[in-house]
Amino acid sequence: MPTRHLRITGRVQGVGYRWHMAQQAQALNIQGWVRNRLDGSVEALAHGPADAVQALIDWAHQGPAMAQVQAVQVSEAKLDDDELLKGFEQRQTV
């Protein structure tokens, strides 16, 4: 199963982006996390079936109604041996 790292830029903080992404990921049975970055972007890690991960990436380009997504950078990622993913969670800002 693929693991993808996403960095989303634009008007993506203060619009419910993290909450909505977590809801989408849970509906797609994707494991991982989402968090705000101090630079104003949103960062996420998605792990699951290829079609579900792609569906989340497709959703990330739109986001919730109030968001204005400028770009979504997607890269392959590897899970750290000590990183146990249970569901999809919202994490603290870094």
Protein backbone atom coordinates (compact mmCIF):
# COMPACT_ATOMS: atom_id res chain seq x y z
CA MET A 1 0.00 0.00 0.00
CA PRO A 2 1.36 3.41 -0.91
CA THR A 3 2.24 6.16 1.54
CA ARG A 4 2.17 9.75 0.32
CA HIS A 5 3.28 13.01 1.89
CA LEU A 6 1.20 16.05 0.94
CA ARG A 7 1.93 19.76 1.35
CA ILE A 8 -1.05 21.97 0.58
CA THR A 9 -0.68 25.72 0.12
CA GLY A 10 -3.11 28.58 -0.32
CA ARG A 11 -5.88 29.68 2.02
CA VAL A 12 -5.96 26.39 3.88
CA GLN A 13 -5.79 27.38 7.55
CA GLY A 14 -8.74 28.70 9.50
CA VAL A 15 -11.21 27.14 7.05
CA GLY A 16 -11.66 23.67 8.57
CA TYR A 17 -9.23 22.04 6.15
CA ARG A 18 -7.72 19.60 8.67
CA TRP A 19 -11.08 18.51 10.05
CA HIS A 20 -12.54 17.96 6.59
CA MET A 21 -9.46 16.07 5.40
CA ALA A 22 -9.65 13.80 8.45
CA GLN A 23 -13.31 13.09 7.67
CA GLN A 24 -12.48 12.27 4.03
CA ALA A 25 -9.57 10.04 5.03
CA GLN A 26 -11.67 8.16 7.58
CA ALA A 27 -14.41 7.60 5.00
CA LEU A 28 -11.77 6.20 2.63
CA ASN A 29 -10.20 4.00 5.35
CA ILE A 30 -6.87 5.79 5.05
CA GLN A 31 -4.42 5.87 7.92
CA GLY A 32 -2.20 8.85 8.64
CA TRP A 33 -2.36 12.40 9.92
CA VAL A 34 -2.83 16.05 8.98
CA ARG A 35 -1.44 19.19 10.63
CA ASN A 36 -0.98 22.90 10.09
CA ARG A 37 2.48 24.32 9.47
CA LEU A 38 3.68 27.66 10.85
CA ASP A 39 4.27 28.84 7.27
CA GLY A 40 0.50 28.72 6.61
CA SER A 41 0.47 25.43 4.72
CA VAL A 42 -1.14 22.12 5.66
CA GLU A 43 0.86 18.90 5.72
CA ALA A 44 -0.50 15.35 5.63
CA LEU A 45 0.63 11.74 5.48
CA ALA A 46 -1.72 9.24 3.84
CA HIS A 47 -1.29 5.46 3.86
CA GLY A 48 -3.74 3.00 2.35
CA PRO A 49 -5.00 1.37 -0.83
CA ALA A 50 -3.75 3.16 -3.95
CA ASP A 51 -7.20 4.17 -5.19
CA ALA A 52 -8.20 5.56 -1.78
CA VAL A 53 -4.95 7.53 -1.41
CA GLN A 54 -5.46 8.97 -4.90
CA ALA A 55 -9.04 9.92 -4.01
CA LEU A 56 -7.75 11.83 -0.97
CA ILE A 57 -5.13 13.58 -3.11
CA ASP A 58 -7.85 14.54 -5.60
CA TRP A 59 -9.95 15.91 -2.73
CA ALA A 60 -6.95 17.87 -1.39
CA HIS A 61 -6.87 19.94 -4.59
CA GLN A 62 -10.35 21.29 -3.72
CA GLY A 63 -10.55 21.07 0.06
CA PRO A 64 -13.58 22.35 1.97
CA ALA A 65 -15.82 25.10 0.61
CA MET A 66 -13.98 28.02 2.29
CA ALA A 67 -10.49 26.88 1.20
CA GLN A 68 -8.60 28.32 -1.75
CA VAL A 69 -6.00 25.71 -2.64
CA GLN A 70 -3.10 27.04 -4.70
CA ALA A 71 -0.98 23.89 -4.90
CA VAL A 72 -0.70 20.33 -3.63
CA GLN A 73 2.79 18.85 -3.61
CA VAL A 74 2.76 15.05 -3.40
CA SER A 75 5.78 12.87 -2.76
CA GLU A 76 6.36 9.24 -1.90
CA ALA A 77 6.97 8.59 1.77
CA LYS A 78 8.04 5.71 3.93
CA LEU A 79 6.62 4.97 7.34
CA ASP A 80 9.16 5.06 10.14
CA ASP A 81 9.51 1.74 11.90
CA ASP A 82 8.35 3.35 15.14
CA GLU A 83 5.38 5.18 13.58
CA LEU A 84 2.21 3.28 14.37
CA LEU A 85 -0.74 4.64 12.49
CA LYS A 86 -4.18 4.10 13.98
CA GLY A 87 -6.82 5.74 11.88
CA PHE A 88 -6.36 9.29 10.66
CA GLU A 89 -5.65 12.02 13.19
CA GLN A 90 -5.27 15.77 13.39
CA ARG A 91 -1.91 16.69 14.86
CA GLN A 92 -0.50 19.81 16.50
CA THR A 93 0.89 22.66 14.42
CA VAL A 94 4.62 22.51 13.71
